[in-house]
Amino acid sequence: MLKCKKCQSSKIKTRTNYSHGKKSSSTTNVTCKDCGSTEMESPPKYNNRRNKNK
């Protein structure tokens, strides 16, 4: 789960914007439902994905 950097809440609202024509270029907007911050702590599983293929 994503957590908010400011208030440590896990009530996160995500919205994914797909630019037309290219599926690969999608941006995800993340906002905290409690304090409205857009800064999130990334979960550890994303950071470990790079080291898995060794």
PDB file of N, CA and C in Angstrom:
ATOM      1  N   MET A   1       0.833  -1.205   0.000  1.00  0.00           N
ATOM      2  CA  MET A   1       0.000   0.000   0.000  1.00  0.00           C
ATOM      3  C   MET A   1       0.869   1.257   0.000  1.00  0.00           C
ATOM      4  N   LEU A   2       0.393   2.251  -0.712  1.00  0.00           N
ATOM      5  CA  LEU A   2       1.053   3.544  -0.654  1.00  0.00           C
ATOM      6  C   LEU A   2       0.687   4.237   0.648  1.00  0.00           C
ATOM      7  N   LYS A   3       1.626   4.997   1.158  1.00  0.00           N
ATOM      8  CA  LYS A   3       1.338   5.778   2.357  1.00  0.00           C
ATOM      9  C   LYS A   3       1.691   7.229   2.101  1.00  0.00           C
ATOM     10  N   CYS A   4       0.918   8.101   2.721  1.00  0.00           N
ATOM     11  CA  CYS A   4       1.180   9.530   2.571  1.00  0.00           C
ATOM     12  C   CYS A   4       2.408   9.915   3.389  1.00  0.00           C
ATOM     13  N   LYS A   5       3.272  10.744   2.796  1.00  0.00           N
ATOM     14  CA  LYS A   5       4.467  11.169   3.517  1.00  0.00           C
ATOM     15  C   LYS A   5       4.114  12.080   4.678  1.00  0.00           C
ATOM     16  N   LYS A   6       3.097  12.920   4.492  1.00  0.00           N
ATOM     17  CA  LYS A   6       2.784  13.917   5.514  1.00  0.00           C
ATOM     18  C   LYS A   6       2.079  13.301   6.709  1.00  0.00           C
ATOM     19  N   CYS A   7       0.978  12.588   6.447  1.00  0.00           N
ATOM     20  CA  CYS A   7       0.149  12.165   7.584  1.00  0.00           C
ATOM     21  C   CYS A   7       0.133  10.650   7.767  1.00  0.00           C
ATOM     22  N   GLN A   8       0.934   9.921   6.958  1.00  0.00           N
ATOM     23  CA  GLN A   8       1.059   8.469   7.080  1.00  0.00           C
ATOM     24  C   GLN A   8      -0.269   7.743   6.874  1.00  0.00           C
ATOM     25  N   SER A   9      -1.205   8.381   6.187  1.00  0.00           N
ATOM     26  CA  SER A   9      -2.482   7.734   5.924  1.00  0.00           C
ATOM     27  C   SER A   9      -2.355   6.844   4.703  1.00  0.00           C
ATOM     28  N   SER A  10      -3.105   5.758   4.699  1.00  0.00           N
ATOM     29  CA  SER A  10      -3.093   4.883   3.530  1.00  0.00           C
ATOM     30  C   SER A  10      -4.366   5.058   2.710  1.00  0.00           C
ATOM     31  N   LYS A  11      -5.131   6.113   3.013  1.00  0.00           N
ATOM     32  CA  LYS A  11      -6.318   6.406   2.203  1.00  0.00           C
ATOM     33  C   LYS A  11      -5.878   7.220   0.999  1.00  0.00           C
ATOM     34  N   ILE A  12      -5.490   6.524  -0.050  1.00  0.00           N
ATOM     35  CA  ILE A  12      -4.904   7.179  -1.204  1.00  0.00           C
ATOM     36  C   ILE A  12      -5.858   7.080  -2.385  1.00  0.00           C
ATOM     37  N   LYS A  13      -6.020   8.191  -3.072  1.00  0.00           N
ATOM     38  CA  LYS A  13      -6.837   8.203  -4.277  1.00  0.00           C
ATOM     39  C   LYS A  13      -5.910   8.258  -5.481  1.00  0.00           C
ATOM     40  N   THR A  14      -5.993   7.262  -6.359  1.00  0.00           N
ATOM     41  CA  THR A  14      -5.136   7.241  -7.537  1.00  0.00           C
ATOM     42  C   THR A  14      -5.977   7.457  -8.785  1.00  0.00           C
ATOM     43  N   ARG A  15      -5.415   8.217  -9.709  1.00  0.00           N
ATOM     44  CA  ARG A  15      -6.072   8.424 -10.991  1.00  0.00           C
ATOM     45  C   ARG A  15      -5.030   8.297 -12.076  1.00  0.00           C
ATOM     46  N   THR A  16      -5.270   7.410 -13.023  1.00  0.00           N
ATOM     47  CA  THR A  16      -4.292   7.164 -14.070  1.00  0.00           C
ATOM     48  C   THR A  16      -4.725   7.865 -15.348  1.00  0.00           C
ATOM     49  N   ASN A  17      -3.838   8.672 -15.893  1.00  0.00           N
ATOM     50  CA  ASN A  17      -4.116   9.374 -17.143  1.00  0.00           C
ATOM     51  C   ASN A  17      -3.364   8.690 -18.274  1.00  0.00           C
ATOM     52  N   TYR A  18      -4.113   8.159 -19.236  1.00  0.00           N
ATOM     53  CA  TYR A  18      -3.482   7.556 -20.397  1.00  0.00           C
ATOM     54  C   TYR A  18      -3.450   8.587 -21.512  1.00  0.00           C
ATOM     55  N   SER A  19      -2.265   8.852 -22.040  1.00  0.00           N
ATOM     56  CA  SER A  19      -2.212   9.708 -23.209  1.00  0.00           C
ATOM     57  C   SER A  19      -2.606   8.879 -24.417  1.00  0.00           C
ATOM     58  N   HIS A  20      -3.323   9.477 -25.331  1.00  0.00           N
ATOM     59  CA  HIS A  20      -3.950   8.712 -26.403  1.00  0.00           C
ATOM     60  C   HIS A  20      -2.906   8.172 -27.371  1.00  0.00           C
ATOM     61  N   GLY A  21      -3.091   6.927 -27.769  1.00  0.00           N
ATOM     62  CA  GLY A  21      -2.208   6.319 -28.763  1.00  0.00           C
ATOM     63  C   GLY A  21      -1.092   5.498 -28.151  1.00  0.00           C
ATOM     64  N   LYS A  22      -0.575   5.911 -27.009  1.00  0.00           N
ATOM     65  CA  LYS A  22       0.530   5.175 -26.405  1.00  0.00           C
ATOM     66  C   LYS A  22       0.100   4.671 -25.039  1.00  0.00           C
ATOM     67  N   LYS A  23       0.090   3.365 -24.887  1.00  0.00           N
ATOM     68  CA  LYS A  23      -0.278   2.802 -23.590  1.00  0.00           C
ATOM     69  C   LYS A  23       0.851   2.964 -22.580  1.00  0.00           C
ATOM     70  N   SER A  24       2.085   2.994 -23.091  1.00  0.00           N
ATOM     71  CA  SER A  24       3.224   2.993 -22.180  1.00  0.00           C
ATOM     72  C   SER A  24       3.359   4.323 -21.451  1.00  0.00           C
ATOM     73  N   SER A  25       2.896   5.403 -22.068  1.00  0.00           N
ATOM     74  CA  SER A  25       3.068   6.704 -21.424  1.00  0.00           C
ATOM     75  C   SER A  25       1.824   7.055 -20.637  1.00  0.00           C
ATOM     76  N   SER A  26       1.704   6.471 -19.468  1.00  0.00           N
ATOM     77  CA  SER A  26       0.583   6.787 -18.594  1.00  0.00           C
ATOM     78  C   SER A  26       1.132   7.376 -17.313  1.00  0.00           C
ATOM     79  N   THR A  27       0.491   8.420 -16.847  1.00  0.00           N
ATOM     80  CA  THR A  27       0.916   9.036 -15.597  1.00  0.00           C
ATOM     81  C   THR A  27      -0.150   8.799 -14.550  1.00  0.00           C
ATOM     82  N   THR A  28       0.290   8.519 -13.355  1.00  0.00           N
ATOM     83  CA  THR A  28      -0.645   8.261 -12.269  1.00  0.00           C
ATOM     84  C   THR A  28      -0.587   9.410 -11.278  1.00  0.00           C
ATOM     85  N   ASN A  29      -1.727  10.020 -11.065  1.00  0.00           N
ATOM     86  CA  ASN A  29      -1.814  11.081 -10.064  1.00  0.00           C
ATOM     87  C   ASN A  29      -2.272  10.481  -8.749  1.00  0.00           C
ATOM     88  N   VAL A  30      -1.517  10.766  -7.693  1.00  0.00           N
ATOM     89  CA  VAL A  30      -1.844  10.200  -6.394  1.00  0.00           C
ATOM     90  C   VAL A  30      -2.120  11.342  -5.426  1.00  0.00           C
ATOM     91  N   THR A  31      -3.253  11.281  -4.747  1.00  0.00           N
ATOM     92  CA  THR A  31      -3.549  12.287  -3.733  1.00  0.00           C
ATOM     93  C   THR A  31      -4.045  11.605  -2.474  1.00  0.00           C
ATOM     94  N   CYS A  32      -3.645  12.151  -1.343  1.00  0.00           N
ATOM     95  CA  CYS A  32      -4.089  11.622  -0.060  1.00  0.00           C
ATOM     96  C   CYS A  32      -5.489  12.139   0.240  1.00  0.00           C
ATOM     97  N   LYS A  33      -6.374  11.226   0.642  1.00  0.00           N
ATOM     98  CA  LYS A  33      -7.741  11.638   0.933  1.00  0.00           C
ATOM     99  C   LYS A  33      -7.838  12.417   2.237  1.00  0.00           C
ATOM    100  N   ASP A  34      -6.874  12.227   3.133  1.00  0.00           N
ATOM    101  CA  ASP A  34      -6.955  12.886   4.437  1.00  0.00           C
ATOM    102  C   ASP A  34      -6.398  14.312   4.407  1.00  0.00           C
ATOM    103  N   CYS A  35      -5.185  14.468   3.863  1.00  0.00           N
ATOM    104  CA  CYS A  35      -4.576  15.799   3.925  1.00  0.00           C
ATOM    105  C   CYS A  35      -4.384  16.423   2.545  1.00  0.00           C
ATOM    106  N   GLY A  36      -4.634  15.660   1.489  1.00  0.00           N
ATOM    107  CA  GLY A  36      -4.559  16.225   0.148  1.00  0.00           C
ATOM    108  C   GLY A  36      -3.157  16.320  -0.418  1.00  0.00           C
ATOM    109  N   SER A  37      -2.188  15.725   0.257  1.00  0.00           N
ATOM    110  CA  SER A  37      -0.815  15.786  -0.227  1.00  0.00           C
ATOM    111  C   SER A  37      -0.630  14.854  -1.416  1.00  0.00           C
ATOM    112  N   THR A  38       0.283  15.229  -2.320  1.00  0.00           N
ATOM    113  CA  THR A  38       0.559  14.379  -3.470  1.00  0.00           C
ATOM    114  C   THR A  38       1.886  13.654  -3.320  1.00  0.00           C
ATOM    115  N   GLU A  39       2.550  13.822  -2.181  1.00  0.00           N
ATOM    116  CA  GLU A  39       3.817  13.124  -1.959  1.00  0.00           C
ATOM    117  C   GLU A  39       3.559  11.817  -1.238  1.00  0.00           C
ATOM    118  N   MET A  40       3.969  10.726  -1.869  1.00  0.00           N
ATOM    119  CA  MET A  40       3.716   9.414  -1.299  1.00  0.00           C
ATOM    120  C   MET A  40       5.027   8.701  -1.015  1.00  0.00           C
ATOM    121  N   GLU A  41       4.996   7.837  -0.019  1.00  0.00           N
ATOM    122  CA  GLU A  41       6.118   6.932   0.201  1.00  0.00           C
ATOM    123  C   GLU A  41       5.887   5.718  -0.674  1.00  0.00           C
ATOM    124  N   SER A  42       6.882   5.397  -1.491  1.00  0.00           N
ATOM    125  CA  SER A  42       6.702   4.254  -2.370  1.00  0.00           C
ATOM    126  C   SER A  42       6.878   2.980  -1.573  1.00  0.00           C
ATOM    127  N   PRO A  43       6.034   1.991  -1.810  1.00  0.00           N
ATOM    128  CA  PRO A  43       6.155   0.719  -1.103  1.00  0.00           C
ATOM    129  C   PRO A  43       7.456   0.014  -1.451  1.00  0.00           C
ATOM    130  N   PRO A  44       8.002  -0.770  -0.524  1.00  0.00           N
ATOM    131  CA  PRO A  44       9.315  -1.396  -0.731  1.00  0.00           C
ATOM    132  C   PRO A  44       9.350  -2.396  -1.869  1.00  0.00           C
ATOM    133  N   LYS A  45       8.199  -2.944  -2.267  1.00  0.00           N
ATOM    134  CA  LYS A  45       8.247  -3.966  -3.307  1.00  0.00           C
ATOM    135  C   LYS A  45       8.664  -3.399  -4.654  1.00  0.00           C
ATOM    136  N   TYR A  46       8.412  -2.106  -4.893  1.00  0.00           N
ATOM    137  CA  TYR A  46       8.837  -1.514  -6.155  1.00  0.00           C
ATOM    138  C   TYR A  46      10.344  -1.342  -6.198  1.00  0.00           C
ATOM    139  N   ASN A  47      10.943  -1.084  -5.041  1.00  0.00           N
ATOM    140  CA  ASN A  47      12.379  -0.870  -4.996  1.00  0.00           C
ATOM    141  C   ASN A  47      13.149  -2.173  -5.153  1.00  0.00           C
ATOM    142  N   ASN A  48      12.539  -3.284  -4.764  1.00  0.00           N
ATOM    143  CA  ASN A  48      13.245  -4.559  -4.809  1.00  0.00           C
ATOM    144  C   ASN A  48      13.117  -5.260  -6.150  1.00  0.00           C
ATOM    145  N   ARG A  49      12.269  -4.744  -7.021  1.00  0.00           N
ATOM    146  CA  ARG A  49      12.032  -5.424  -8.288  1.00  0.00           C
ATOM    147  C   ARG A  49      13.287  -5.449  -9.151  1.00  0.00           C
ATOM    148  N   ARG A  50      14.126  -4.400  -9.009  1.00  0.00           N
ATOM    149  CA  ARG A  50      15.308  -4.287  -9.842  1.00  0.00           C
ATOM    150  C   ARG A  50      16.325  -5.376  -9.520  1.00  0.00           C
ATOM    151  N   ASN A  51      16.388  -5.775  -8.258  1.00  0.00           N
ATOM    152  CA  ASN A  51      17.413  -6.717  -7.826  1.00  0.00           C
ATOM    153  C   ASN A  51      16.998  -8.170  -7.973  1.00  0.00           C
ATOM    154  N   LYS A  52      15.781  -8.406  -8.445  1.00  0.00           N
ATOM    155  CA  LYS A  52      15.275  -9.772  -8.468  1.00  0.00           C
ATOM    156  C   LYS A  52      15.939 -10.631  -9.540  1.00  0.00           C
ATOM    157  N   ASN A  53      16.377  -9.999 -10.635  1.00  0.00           N
ATOM    158  CA  ASN A  53      16.826 -10.773 -11.791  1.00  0.00           C
ATOM    159  C   ASN A  53      18.303 -11.113 -11.753  1.00  0.00           C
ATOM    160  N   LYS A  54      18.930 -11.043 -10.598  1.00  0.00           N
ATOM    161  CA  LYS A  54      20.363 -11.348 -10.525  1.00  0.00           C
ATOM    162  C   LYS A  54      20.589 -12.848 -10.488  1.00  0.00           C
TER     163      LYS A  54
END
